[in-house]
Amino acid sequence: MEIIMVYNLIGSSALSDDEGEILHAEIKKALSGGGCVMVGFNGVNIVLAQFLNAAIAALYEKHNSEELRKRLVITGLKSTCYLHKLISRTKTFYANENVPGYVNRDKL
């Protein structure tokens, strides 16, 4: 299992989507090897929504929930409530994107 420590990548505050993209790239690289990945948030005091959107939610574009549930472990978040809501909305978004007649207003 590959271990990625968020603090080592960006420090104690995970604030922006640009920082999220840094973590996303590391996770994506680790998953491409076929193994499992643990992402540790130990030492990270602030985690904002835009960071999680770019880092974690974006994974659902290429990976399904079952695969990520088996291969991605997230530890050390002070609260996982928002992460669970984000993942739920993201799965709904990608599921609806394939429905005929669905218009993704973000891509207009």
PDB file of N, CA and C in Angstrom:
ATOM      1  N   MET A   1       0.842  -1.170   0.000  1.00  0.00           N
ATOM      2  CA  MET A   1       0.000   0.000   0.000  1.00  0.00           C
ATOM      3  C   MET A   1       0.890   1.236   0.000  1.00  0.00           C
ATOM      4  N   GLU A   2       0.607   2.117  -0.935  1.00  0.00           N
ATOM      5  CA  GLU A   2       1.345   3.379  -0.994  1.00  0.00           C
ATOM      6  C   GLU A   2       0.719   4.364  -0.008  1.00  0.00           C
ATOM      7  N   ILE A   3       1.565   5.119   0.687  1.00  0.00           N
ATOM      8  CA  ILE A   3       1.094   6.099   1.670  1.00  0.00           C
ATOM      9  C   ILE A   3       1.436   7.497   1.184  1.00  0.00           C
ATOM     10  N   ILE A   4       0.424   8.359   1.171  1.00  0.00           N
ATOM     11  CA  ILE A   4       0.607   9.764   0.793  1.00  0.00           C
ATOM     12  C   ILE A   4       0.209  10.614   1.992  1.00  0.00           C
ATOM     13  N   MET A   5       1.140  11.371   2.509  1.00  0.00           N
ATOM     14  CA  MET A   5       0.858  12.264   3.634  1.00  0.00           C
ATOM     15  C   MET A   5       0.614  13.670   3.092  1.00  0.00           C
ATOM     16  N   VAL A   6      -0.598  14.147   3.277  1.00  0.00           N
ATOM     17  CA  VAL A   6      -1.007  15.452   2.745  1.00  0.00           C
ATOM     18  C   VAL A   6      -0.122  16.558   3.307  1.00  0.00           C
ATOM     19  N   TYR A   7       0.196  16.483   4.589  1.00  0.00           N
ATOM     20  CA  TYR A   7       1.044  17.499   5.219  1.00  0.00           C
ATOM     21  C   TYR A   7       2.384  17.635   4.491  1.00  0.00           C
ATOM     22  N   ASN A   8       2.954  16.525   4.062  1.00  0.00           N
ATOM     23  CA  ASN A   8       4.240  16.561   3.354  1.00  0.00           C
ATOM     24  C   ASN A   8       4.131  17.210   1.978  1.00  0.00           C
ATOM     25  N   LEU A   9       2.934  17.149   1.386  1.00  0.00           N
ATOM     26  CA  LEU A   9       2.729  17.754   0.064  1.00  0.00           C
ATOM     27  C   LEU A   9       2.441  19.242   0.132  1.00  0.00           C
ATOM     28  N   ILE A  10       1.561  19.636   1.073  1.00  0.00           N
ATOM     29  CA  ILE A  10       1.086  21.026   1.052  1.00  0.00           C
ATOM     30  C   ILE A  10       1.151  21.752   2.382  1.00  0.00           C
ATOM     31  N   GLY A  11       1.458  21.064   3.464  1.00  0.00           N
ATOM     32  CA  GLY A  11       1.534  21.719   4.766  1.00  0.00           C
ATOM     33  C   GLY A  11       0.272  21.518   5.585  1.00  0.00           C
ATOM     34  N   SER A  12       0.058  22.392   6.570  1.00  0.00           N
ATOM     35  CA  SER A  12      -1.006  22.194   7.556  1.00  0.00           C
ATOM     36  C   SER A  12      -2.376  22.728   7.136  1.00  0.00           C
ATOM     37  N   SER A  13      -2.454  23.391   5.987  1.00  0.00           N
ATOM     38  CA  SER A  13      -3.731  23.926   5.513  1.00  0.00           C
ATOM     39  C   SER A  13      -3.978  23.472   4.077  1.00  0.00           C
ATOM     40  N   ALA A  14      -5.099  22.780   3.878  1.00  0.00           N
ATOM     41  CA  ALA A  14      -5.492  22.298   2.545  1.00  0.00           C
ATOM     42  C   ALA A  14      -6.625  23.200   2.075  1.00  0.00           C
ATOM     43  N   LEU A  15      -6.289  24.258   1.349  1.00  0.00           N
ATOM     44  CA  LEU A  15      -7.255  25.317   1.109  1.00  0.00           C
ATOM     45  C   LEU A  15      -7.780  25.415  -0.316  1.00  0.00           C
ATOM     46  N   SER A  16      -6.940  25.254  -1.292  1.00  0.00           N
ATOM     47  CA  SER A  16      -7.333  25.614  -2.656  1.00  0.00           C
ATOM     48  C   SER A  16      -7.499  24.403  -3.565  1.00  0.00           C
ATOM     49  N   ASP A  17      -8.170  24.644  -4.679  1.00  0.00           N
ATOM     50  CA  ASP A  17      -8.285  23.573  -5.666  1.00  0.00           C
ATOM     51  C   ASP A  17      -6.931  23.285  -6.304  1.00  0.00           C
ATOM     52  N   ASP A  18      -6.060  24.280  -6.403  1.00  0.00           N
ATOM     53  CA  ASP A  18      -4.712  24.036  -6.932  1.00  0.00           C
ATOM     54  C   ASP A  18      -3.959  23.051  -6.040  1.00  0.00           C
ATOM     55  N   GLU A  19      -4.073  23.217  -4.731  1.00  0.00           N
ATOM     56  CA  GLU A  19      -3.440  22.276  -3.797  1.00  0.00           C
ATOM     57  C   GLU A  19      -4.102  20.903  -3.904  1.00  0.00           C
ATOM     58  N   GLY A  20      -5.410  20.893  -4.077  1.00  0.00           N
ATOM     59  CA  GLY A  20      -6.137  19.638  -4.250  1.00  0.00           C
ATOM     60  C   GLY A  20      -5.674  18.887  -5.475  1.00  0.00           C
ATOM     61  N   GLU A  21      -5.387  19.614  -6.536  1.00  0.00           N
ATOM     62  CA  GLU A  21      -4.907  18.985  -7.766  1.00  0.00           C
ATOM     63  C   GLU A  21      -3.546  18.341  -7.575  1.00  0.00           C
ATOM     64  N   ILE A  22      -2.732  18.898  -6.691  1.00  0.00           N
ATOM     65  CA  ILE A  22      -1.430  18.291  -6.379  1.00  0.00           C
ATOM     66  C   ILE A  22      -1.657  16.921  -5.747  1.00  0.00           C
ATOM     67  N   LEU A  23      -2.551  16.860  -4.759  1.00  0.00           N
ATOM     68  CA  LEU A  23      -2.858  15.577  -4.123  1.00  0.00           C
ATOM     69  C   LEU A  23      -3.523  14.629  -5.110  1.00  0.00           C
ATOM     70  N   HIS A  24      -4.445  15.139  -5.900  1.00  0.00           N
ATOM     71  CA  HIS A  24      -5.131  14.314  -6.901  1.00  0.00           C
ATOM     72  C   HIS A  24      -4.124  13.633  -7.829  1.00  0.00           C
ATOM     73  N   ALA A  25      -3.146  14.377  -8.293  1.00  0.00           N
ATOM     74  CA  ALA A  25      -2.129  13.814  -9.194  1.00  0.00           C
ATOM     75  C   ALA A  25      -1.355  12.688  -8.512  1.00  0.00           C
ATOM     76  N   GLU A  26      -1.053  12.850  -7.229  1.00  0.00           N
ATOM     77  CA  GLU A  26      -0.326  11.809  -6.495  1.00  0.00           C
ATOM     78  C   GLU A  26      -1.186  10.558  -6.316  1.00  0.00           C
ATOM     79  N   ILE A  27      -2.463  10.753  -5.985  1.00  0.00           N
ATOM     80  CA  ILE A  27      -3.370   9.611  -5.822  1.00  0.00           C
ATOM     81  C   ILE A  27      -3.542   8.893  -7.151  1.00  0.00           C
ATOM     82  N   LYS A  28      -3.766   9.671  -8.198  1.00  0.00           N
ATOM     83  CA  LYS A  28      -3.959   9.105  -9.541  1.00  0.00           C
ATOM     84  C   LYS A  28      -2.750   8.265  -9.952  1.00  0.00           C
ATOM     85  N   LYS A  29      -1.565   8.779  -9.701  1.00  0.00           N
ATOM     86  CA  LYS A  29      -0.333   8.060 -10.034  1.00  0.00           C
ATOM     87  C   LYS A  29      -0.247   6.755  -9.236  1.00  0.00           C
ATOM     88  N   ALA A  30      -0.571   6.814  -7.969  1.00  0.00           N
ATOM     89  CA  ALA A  30      -0.508   5.620  -7.134  1.00  0.00           C
ATOM     90  C   ALA A  30      -1.550   4.587  -7.559  1.00  0.00           C
ATOM     91  N   LEU A  31      -2.760   5.024  -7.887  1.00  0.00           N
ATOM     92  CA  LEU A  31      -3.809   4.095  -8.325  1.00  0.00           C
ATOM     93  C   LEU A  31      -3.491   3.467  -9.674  1.00  0.00           C
ATOM     94  N   SER A  32      -2.784   4.192 -10.516  1.00  0.00           N
ATOM     95  CA  SER A  32      -2.463   3.656 -11.847  1.00  0.00           C
ATOM     96  C   SER A  32      -1.551   2.439 -11.765  1.00  0.00           C
ATOM     97  N   GLY A  33      -0.863   2.295 -10.654  1.00  0.00           N
ATOM     98  CA  GLY A  33      -0.006   1.126 -10.459  1.00  0.00           C
ATOM     99  C   GLY A  33      -0.780  -0.128 -10.077  1.00  0.00           C
ATOM    100  N   GLY A  34      -2.086   0.017  -9.824  1.00  0.00           N
ATOM    101  CA  GLY A  34      -2.917  -1.134  -9.517  1.00  0.00           C
ATOM    102  C   GLY A  34      -3.030  -1.477  -8.048  1.00  0.00           C
ATOM    103  N   GLY A  35      -2.290  -0.780  -7.204  1.00  0.00           N
ATOM    104  CA  GLY A  35      -2.336  -1.090  -5.777  1.00  0.00           C
ATOM    105  C   GLY A  35      -3.311  -0.217  -5.014  1.00  0.00           C
ATOM    106  N   CYS A  36      -3.164  -0.251  -3.712  1.00  0.00           N
ATOM    107  CA  CYS A  36      -3.998   0.545  -2.812  1.00  0.00           C
ATOM    108  C   CYS A  36      -3.226   1.767  -2.345  1.00  0.00           C
ATOM    109  N   VAL A  37      -3.993   2.783  -1.931  1.00  0.00           N
ATOM    110  CA  VAL A  37      -3.397   4.045  -1.508  1.00  0.00           C
ATOM    111  C   VAL A  37      -4.014   4.479  -0.191  1.00  0.00           C
ATOM    112  N   MET A  38      -3.172   4.877   0.754  1.00  0.00           N
ATOM    113  CA  MET A  38      -3.647   5.492   1.980  1.00  0.00           C
ATOM    114  C   MET A  38      -3.266   6.965   1.933  1.00  0.00           C
ATOM    115  N   VAL A  39      -4.261   7.838   2.117  1.00  0.00           N
ATOM    116  CA  VAL A  39      -4.026   9.276   2.154  1.00  0.00           C
ATOM    117  C   VAL A  39      -4.207   9.715   3.596  1.00  0.00           C
ATOM    118  N   GLY A  40      -3.136  10.198   4.204  1.00  0.00           N
ATOM    119  CA  GLY A  40      -3.168  10.612   5.604  1.00  0.00           C
ATOM    120  C   GLY A  40      -3.226  12.120   5.745  1.00  0.00           C
ATOM    121  N   PHE A  41      -4.188  12.583   6.534  1.00  0.00           N
ATOM    122  CA  PHE A  41      -4.358  14.013   6.791  1.00  0.00           C
ATOM    123  C   PHE A  41      -3.802  14.424   8.152  1.00  0.00           C
ATOM    124  N   ASN A  42      -3.025  13.571   8.786  1.00  0.00           N
ATOM    125  CA  ASN A  42      -2.441  13.902  10.078  1.00  0.00           C
ATOM    126  C   ASN A  42      -1.613  15.182   9.961  1.00  0.00           C
ATOM    127  N   GLY A  43      -1.830  16.103  10.896  1.00  0.00           N
ATOM    128  CA  GLY A  43      -1.091  17.357  10.892  1.00  0.00           C
ATOM    129  C   GLY A  43      -1.725  18.440  10.047  1.00  0.00           C
ATOM    130  N   VAL A  44      -2.767  18.112   9.305  1.00  0.00           N
ATOM    131  CA  VAL A  44      -3.466  19.109   8.490  1.00  0.00           C
ATOM    132  C   VAL A  44      -4.625  19.629   9.324  1.00  0.00           C
ATOM    133  N   ASN A  45      -4.593  20.917   9.641  1.00  0.00           N
ATOM    134  CA  ASN A  45      -5.570  21.506  10.551  1.00  0.00           C
ATOM    135  C   ASN A  45      -6.814  22.042   9.865  1.00  0.00           C
ATOM    136  N   ILE A  46      -6.672  22.496   8.633  1.00  0.00           N
ATOM    137  CA  ILE A  46      -7.795  23.082   7.900  1.00  0.00           C
ATOM    138  C   ILE A  46      -7.902  22.394   6.546  1.00  0.00           C
ATOM    139  N   VAL A  47      -9.107  21.899   6.227  1.00  0.00           N
ATOM    140  CA  VAL A  47      -9.359  21.274   4.932  1.00  0.00           C
ATOM    141  C   VAL A  47     -10.641  21.900   4.381  1.00  0.00           C
ATOM    142  N   LEU A  48     -10.531  22.612   3.274  1.00  0.00           N
ATOM    143  CA  LEU A  48     -11.692  23.267   2.681  1.00  0.00           C
ATOM    144  C   LEU A  48     -12.305  22.420   1.567  1.00  0.00           C
ATOM    145  N   ALA A  49     -13.565  22.740   1.281  1.00  0.00           N
ATOM    146  CA  ALA A  49     -14.333  21.981   0.293  1.00  0.00           C
ATOM    147  C   ALA A  49     -13.671  21.972  -1.070  1.00  0.00           C
ATOM    148  N   GLN A  50     -13.185  23.109  -1.536  1.00  0.00           N
ATOM    149  CA  GLN A  50     -12.595  23.141  -2.877  1.00  0.00           C
ATOM    150  C   GLN A  50     -11.371  22.239  -2.975  1.00  0.00           C
ATOM    151  N   PHE A  51     -10.648  22.075  -1.876  1.00  0.00           N
ATOM    152  CA  PHE A  51      -9.513  21.157  -1.861  1.00  0.00           C
ATOM    153  C   PHE A  51     -10.005  19.720  -2.050  1.00  0.00           C
ATOM    154  N   LEU A  52     -11.007  19.335  -1.265  1.00  0.00           N
ATOM    155  CA  LEU A  52     -11.538  17.975  -1.361  1.00  0.00           C
ATOM    156  C   LEU A  52     -12.171  17.701  -2.719  1.00  0.00           C
ATOM    157  N   ASN A  53     -12.824  18.697  -3.283  1.00  0.00           N
ATOM    158  CA  ASN A  53     -13.407  18.527  -4.615  1.00  0.00           C
ATOM    159  C   ASN A  53     -12.333  18.173  -5.634  1.00  0.00           C
ATOM    160  N   ALA A  54     -11.258  18.941  -5.631  1.00  0.00           N
ATOM    161  CA  ALA A  54     -10.191  18.727  -6.610  1.00  0.00           C
ATOM    162  C   ALA A  54      -9.396  17.455  -6.331  1.00  0.00           C
ATOM    163  N   ALA A  55      -9.192  17.151  -5.061  1.00  0.00           N
ATOM    164  CA  ALA A  55      -8.331  16.012  -4.706  1.00  0.00           C
ATOM    165  C   ALA A  55      -9.056  14.677  -4.744  1.00  0.00           C
ATOM    166  N   ILE A  56     -10.239  14.622  -4.158  1.00  0.00           N
ATOM    167  CA  ILE A  56     -10.918  13.344  -3.968  1.00  0.00           C
ATOM    168  C   ILE A  56     -12.101  13.157  -4.916  1.00  0.00           C
ATOM    169  N   ALA A  57     -12.999  14.135  -4.964  1.00  0.00           N
ATOM    170  CA  ALA A  57     -14.213  13.989  -5.787  1.00  0.00           C
ATOM    171  C   ALA A  57     -13.864  13.760  -7.251  1.00  0.00           C
ATOM    172  N   ALA A  58     -12.822  14.397  -7.728  1.00  0.00           N
ATOM    173  CA  ALA A  58     -12.425  14.253  -9.134  1.00  0.00           C
ATOM    174  C   ALA A  58     -12.039  12.816  -9.488  1.00  0.00           C
ATOM    175  N   LEU A  59     -11.703  12.009  -8.500  1.00  0.00           N
ATOM    176  CA  LEU A  59     -11.355  10.605  -8.756  1.00  0.00           C
ATOM    177  C   LEU A  59     -12.539   9.820  -9.300  1.00  0.00           C
ATOM    178  N   TYR A  60     -13.754  10.231  -8.948  1.00  0.00           N
ATOM    179  CA  TYR A  60     -14.951   9.506  -9.368  1.00  0.00           C
ATOM    180  C   TYR A  60     -15.257   9.666 -10.855  1.00  0.00           C
ATOM    181  N   GLU A  61     -14.569  10.566 -11.516  1.00  0.00           N
ATOM    182  CA  GLU A  61     -14.751  10.697 -12.960  1.00  0.00           C
ATOM    183  C   GLU A  61     -14.203   9.468 -13.681  1.00  0.00           C
ATOM    184  N   LYS A  62     -13.120   8.899 -13.176  1.00  0.00           N
ATOM    185  CA  LYS A  62     -12.461   7.769 -13.831  1.00  0.00           C
ATOM    186  C   LYS A  62     -12.592   6.448 -13.075  1.00  0.00           C
ATOM    187  N   HIS A  63     -12.965   6.508 -11.799  1.00  0.00           N
ATOM    188  CA  HIS A  63     -13.031   5.300 -10.964  1.00  0.00           C
ATOM    189  C   HIS A  63     -14.428   5.186 -10.363  1.00  0.00           C
ATOM    190  N   ASN A  64     -14.934   3.963 -10.265  1.00  0.00           N
ATOM    191  CA  ASN A  64     -16.246   3.791  -9.639  1.00  0.00           C
ATOM    192  C   ASN A  64     -16.097   3.660  -8.124  1.00  0.00           C
ATOM    193  N   SER A  65     -17.232   3.766  -7.426  1.00  0.00           N
ATOM    194  CA  SER A  65     -17.218   3.757  -5.960  1.00  0.00           C
ATOM    195  C   SER A  65     -16.650   2.472  -5.382  1.00  0.00           C
ATOM    196  N   GLU A  66     -17.017   1.355  -5.963  1.00  0.00           N
ATOM    197  CA  GLU A  66     -16.542   0.076  -5.440  1.00  0.00           C
ATOM    198  C   GLU A  66     -15.016  -0.005  -5.508  1.00  0.00           C
ATOM    199  N   GLU A  67     -14.467   0.403  -6.628  1.00  0.00           N
ATOM    200  CA  GLU A  67     -13.002   0.377  -6.779  1.00  0.00           C
ATOM    201  C   GLU A  67     -12.340   1.290  -5.752  1.00  0.00           C
ATOM    202  N   LEU A  68     -12.849   2.507  -5.609  1.00  0.00           N
ATOM    203  CA  LEU A  68     -12.238   3.444  -4.659  1.00  0.00           C
ATOM    204  C   LEU A  68     -12.420   2.980  -3.221  1.00  0.00           C
ATOM    205  N   ARG A  69     -13.550   2.377  -2.925  1.00  0.00           N
ATOM    206  CA  ARG A  69     -13.788   1.860  -1.564  1.00  0.00           C
ATOM    207  C   ARG A  69     -12.752   0.786  -1.224  1.00  0.00           C
ATOM    208  N   LYS A  70     -12.360  -0.015  -2.208  1.00  0.00           N
ATOM    209  CA  LYS A  70     -11.382  -1.089  -1.984  1.00  0.00           C
ATOM    210  C   LYS A  70      -9.945  -0.592  -2.001  1.00  0.00           C
ATOM    211  N   ARG A  71      -9.669   0.430  -2.802  1.00  0.00           N
ATOM    212  CA  ARG A  71      -8.272   0.799  -3.062  1.00  0.00           C
ATOM    213  C   ARG A  71      -7.815   2.111  -2.448  1.00  0.00           C
ATOM    214  N   LEU A  72      -8.739   2.891  -1.893  1.00  0.00           N
ATOM    215  CA  LEU A  72      -8.385   4.201  -1.336  1.00  0.00           C
ATOM    216  C   LEU A  72      -8.823   4.284   0.121  1.00  0.00           C
ATOM    217  N   VAL A  73      -7.878   4.567   0.999  1.00  0.00           N
ATOM    218  CA  VAL A  73      -8.150   4.716   2.426  1.00  0.00           C
ATOM    219  C   VAL A  73      -7.751   6.135   2.811  1.00  0.00           C
ATOM    220  N   ILE A  74      -8.671   6.824   3.488  1.00  0.00           N
ATOM    221  CA  ILE A  74      -8.400   8.190   3.934  1.00  0.00           C
ATOM    222  C   ILE A  74      -8.398   8.188   5.453  1.00  0.00           C
ATOM    223  N   THR A  75      -7.313   8.680   6.037  1.00  0.00           N
ATOM    224  CA  THR A  75      -7.196   8.700   7.499  1.00  0.00           C
ATOM    225  C   THR A  75      -6.820  10.099   7.968  1.00  0.00           C
ATOM    226  N   GLY A  76      -7.083  10.348   9.245  1.00  0.00           N
ATOM    227  CA  GLY A  76      -6.604  11.564   9.890  1.00  0.00           C
ATOM    228  C   GLY A  76      -7.435  12.812   9.692  1.00  0.00           C
ATOM    229  N   LEU A  77      -8.564  12.721   8.969  1.00  0.00           N
ATOM    230  CA  LEU A  77      -9.432  13.894   8.844  1.00  0.00           C
ATOM    231  C   LEU A  77     -10.120  14.123  10.183  1.00  0.00           C
ATOM    232  N   LYS A  78     -10.175  15.366  10.634  1.00  0.00           N
ATOM    233  CA  LYS A  78     -10.825  15.671  11.901  1.00  0.00           C
ATOM    234  C   LYS A  78     -12.319  15.386  11.827  1.00  0.00           C
ATOM    235  N   SER A  79     -12.915  15.585  10.662  1.00  0.00           N
ATOM    236  CA  SER A  79     -14.325  15.276  10.436  1.00  0.00           C
ATOM    237  C   SER A  79     -14.478  14.723   9.027  1.00  0.00           C
ATOM    238  N   THR A  80     -15.236  13.651   8.908  1.00  0.00           N
ATOM    239  CA  THR A  80     -15.459  13.057   7.589  1.00  0.00           C
ATOM    240  C   THR A  80     -16.864  13.342   7.065  1.00  0.00           C
ATOM    241  N   CYS A  81     -17.644  14.090   7.830  1.00  0.00           N
ATOM    242  CA  CYS A  81     -19.033  14.372   7.451  1.00  0.00           C
ATOM    243  C   CYS A  81     -19.101  15.032   6.083  1.00  0.00           C
ATOM    244  N   TYR A  82     -18.333  16.093   5.868  1.00  0.00           N
ATOM    245  CA  TYR A  82     -18.390  16.779   4.582  1.00  0.00           C
ATOM    246  C   TYR A  82     -17.874  15.890   3.464  1.00  0.00           C
ATOM    247  N   LEU A  83     -16.845  15.115   3.724  1.00  0.00           N
ATOM    248  CA  LEU A  83     -16.299  14.224   2.701  1.00  0.00           C
ATOM    249  C   LEU A  83     -17.369  13.232   2.231  1.00  0.00           C
ATOM    250  N   HIS A  84     -18.137  12.670   3.154  1.00  0.00           N
ATOM    251  CA  HIS A  84     -19.194  11.727   2.777  1.00  0.00           C
ATOM    252  C   HIS A  84     -20.271  12.408   1.931  1.00  0.00           C
ATOM    253  N   LYS A  85     -20.650  13.631   2.283  1.00  0.00           N
ATOM    254  CA  LYS A  85     -21.640  14.376   1.494  1.00  0.00           C
ATOM    255  C   LYS A  85     -21.104  14.676   0.102  1.00  0.00           C
ATOM    256  N   LEU A  86     -19.848  15.075   0.043  1.00  0.00           N
ATOM    257  CA  LEU A  86     -19.200  15.390  -1.229  1.00  0.00           C
ATOM    258  C   LEU A  86     -19.172  14.165  -2.144  1.00  0.00           C
ATOM    259  N   ILE A  87     -18.802  13.036  -1.601  1.00  0.00           N
ATOM    260  CA  ILE A  87     -18.734  11.809  -2.394  1.00  0.00           C
ATOM    261  C   ILE A  87     -20.121  11.424  -2.891  1.00  0.00           C
ATOM    262  N   SER A  88     -21.120  11.552  -2.052  1.00  0.00           N
ATOM    263  CA  SER A  88     -22.487  11.231  -2.458  1.00  0.00           C
ATOM    264  C   SER A  88     -22.948  12.121  -3.612  1.00  0.00           C
ATOM    265  N   ARG A  89     -22.715  13.417  -3.509  1.00  0.00           N
ATOM    266  CA  ARG A  89     -23.089  14.342  -4.589  1.00  0.00           C
ATOM    267  C   ARG A  89     -22.302  14.051  -5.857  1.00  0.00           C
ATOM    268  N   THR A  90     -21.035  13.722  -5.723  1.00  0.00           N
ATOM    269  CA  THR A  90     -20.187  13.450  -6.882  1.00  0.00           C
ATOM    270  C   THR A  90     -20.664  12.202  -7.620  1.00  0.00           C
ATOM    271  N   LYS A  91     -20.991  11.154  -6.882  1.00  0.00           N
ATOM    272  CA  LYS A  91     -21.483   9.930  -7.521  1.00  0.00           C
ATOM    273  C   LYS A  91     -22.788  10.206  -8.266  1.00  0.00           C
ATOM    274  N   THR A  92     -23.675  10.992  -7.677  1.00  0.00           N
ATOM    275  CA  THR A  92     -24.930  11.360  -8.339  1.00  0.00           C
ATOM    276  C   THR A  92     -24.645  12.160  -9.600  1.00  0.00           C
ATOM    277  N   PHE A  93     -23.712  13.084  -9.518  1.00  0.00           N
ATOM    278  CA  PHE A  93     -23.357  13.914 -10.666  1.00  0.00           C
ATOM    279  C   PHE A  93     -22.885  13.050 -11.834  1.00  0.00           C
ATOM    280  N   TYR A  94     -21.939  12.158 -11.597  1.00  0.00           N
ATOM    281  CA  TYR A  94     -21.405  11.339 -12.687  1.00  0.00           C
ATOM    282  C   TYR A  94     -22.429  10.324 -13.180  1.00  0.00           C
ATOM    283  N   ALA A  95     -23.315   9.855 -12.319  1.00  0.00           N
ATOM    284  CA  ALA A  95     -24.376   8.942 -12.754  1.00  0.00           C
ATOM    285  C   ALA A  95     -25.352   9.676 -13.671  1.00  0.00           C
ATOM    286  N   ASN A  96     -25.734  10.897 -13.326  1.00  0.00           N
ATOM    287  CA  ASN A  96     -26.678  11.676 -14.132  1.00  0.00           C
ATOM    288  C   ASN A  96     -26.070  12.159 -15.434  1.00  0.00           C
ATOM    289  N   GLU A  97     -24.775  12.309 -15.478  1.00  0.00           N
ATOM    290  CA  GLU A  97     -24.103  12.809 -16.674  1.00  0.00           C
ATOM    291  C   GLU A  97     -24.330  11.879 -17.863  1.00  0.00           C
ATOM    292  N   ASN A  98     -24.576  10.607 -17.598  1.00  0.00           N
ATOM    293  CA  ASN A  98     -24.780   9.632 -18.672  1.00  0.00           C
ATOM    294  C   ASN A  98     -26.250   9.446 -19.044  1.00  0.00           C
ATOM    295  N   VAL A  99     -27.128  10.196 -18.411  1.00  0.00           N
ATOM    296  CA  VAL A  99     -28.569  10.090 -18.690  1.00  0.00           C
ATOM    297  C   VAL A  99     -28.903  10.965 -19.893  1.00  0.00           C
ATOM    298  N   PRO A 100     -29.604  10.416 -20.905  1.00  0.00           N
ATOM    299  CA  PRO A 100     -29.980  11.233 -22.076  1.00  0.00           C
ATOM    300  C   PRO A 100     -30.786  12.453 -21.651  1.00  0.00           C
ATOM    301  N   GLY A 101     -30.449  13.587 -22.207  1.00  0.00           N
ATOM    302  CA  GLY A 101     -31.145  14.827 -21.899  1.00  0.00           C
ATOM    303  C   GLY A 101     -30.565  15.593 -20.727  1.00  0.00           C
ATOM    304  N   TYR A 102     -29.628  14.984 -19.990  1.00  0.00           N
ATOM    305  CA  TYR A 102     -29.014  15.671 -18.864  1.00  0.00           C
ATOM    306  C   TYR A 102     -28.065  16.736 -19.381  1.00  0.00           C
ATOM    307  N   VAL A 103     -28.165  17.927 -18.824  1.00  0.00           N
ATOM    308  CA  VAL A 103     -27.284  19.018 -19.224  1.00  0.00           C
ATOM    309  C   VAL A 103     -26.441  19.400 -18.019  1.00  0.00           C
ATOM    310  N   ASN A 104     -25.141  19.240 -18.143  1.00  0.00           N
ATOM    311  CA  ASN A 104     -24.219  19.664 -17.097  1.00  0.00           C
ATOM    312  C   ASN A 104     -23.965  21.151 -17.287  1.00  0.00           C
ATOM    313  N   ARG A 105     -24.571  21.943 -16.455  1.00  0.00           N
ATOM    314  CA  ARG A 105     -24.480  23.399 -16.587  1.00  0.00           C
ATOM    315  C   ARG A 105     -23.048  23.918 -16.390  1.00  0.00           C
ATOM    316  N   ASP A 106     -22.216  23.144 -15.703  1.00  0.00           N
ATOM    317  CA  ASP A 106     -20.825  23.557 -15.526  1.00  0.00           C
ATOM    318  C   ASP A 106     -20.027  23.487 -16.825  1.00  0.00           C
ATOM    319  N   LYS A 107     -20.507  22.697 -17.787  1.00  0.00           N
ATOM    320  CA  LYS A 107     -19.772  22.547 -19.053  1.00  0.00           C
ATOM    321  C   LYS A 107     -20.332  23.410 -20.169  1.00  0.00           C
ATOM    322  N   LEU A 108     -21.319  24.275 -19.849  1.00  0.00           N
ATOM    323  CA  LEU A 108     -21.888  25.160 -20.869  1.00  0.00           C
ATOM    324  C   LEU A 108     -21.012  26.375 -21.077  1.00  0.00           C
TER     325      LEU A 108
END
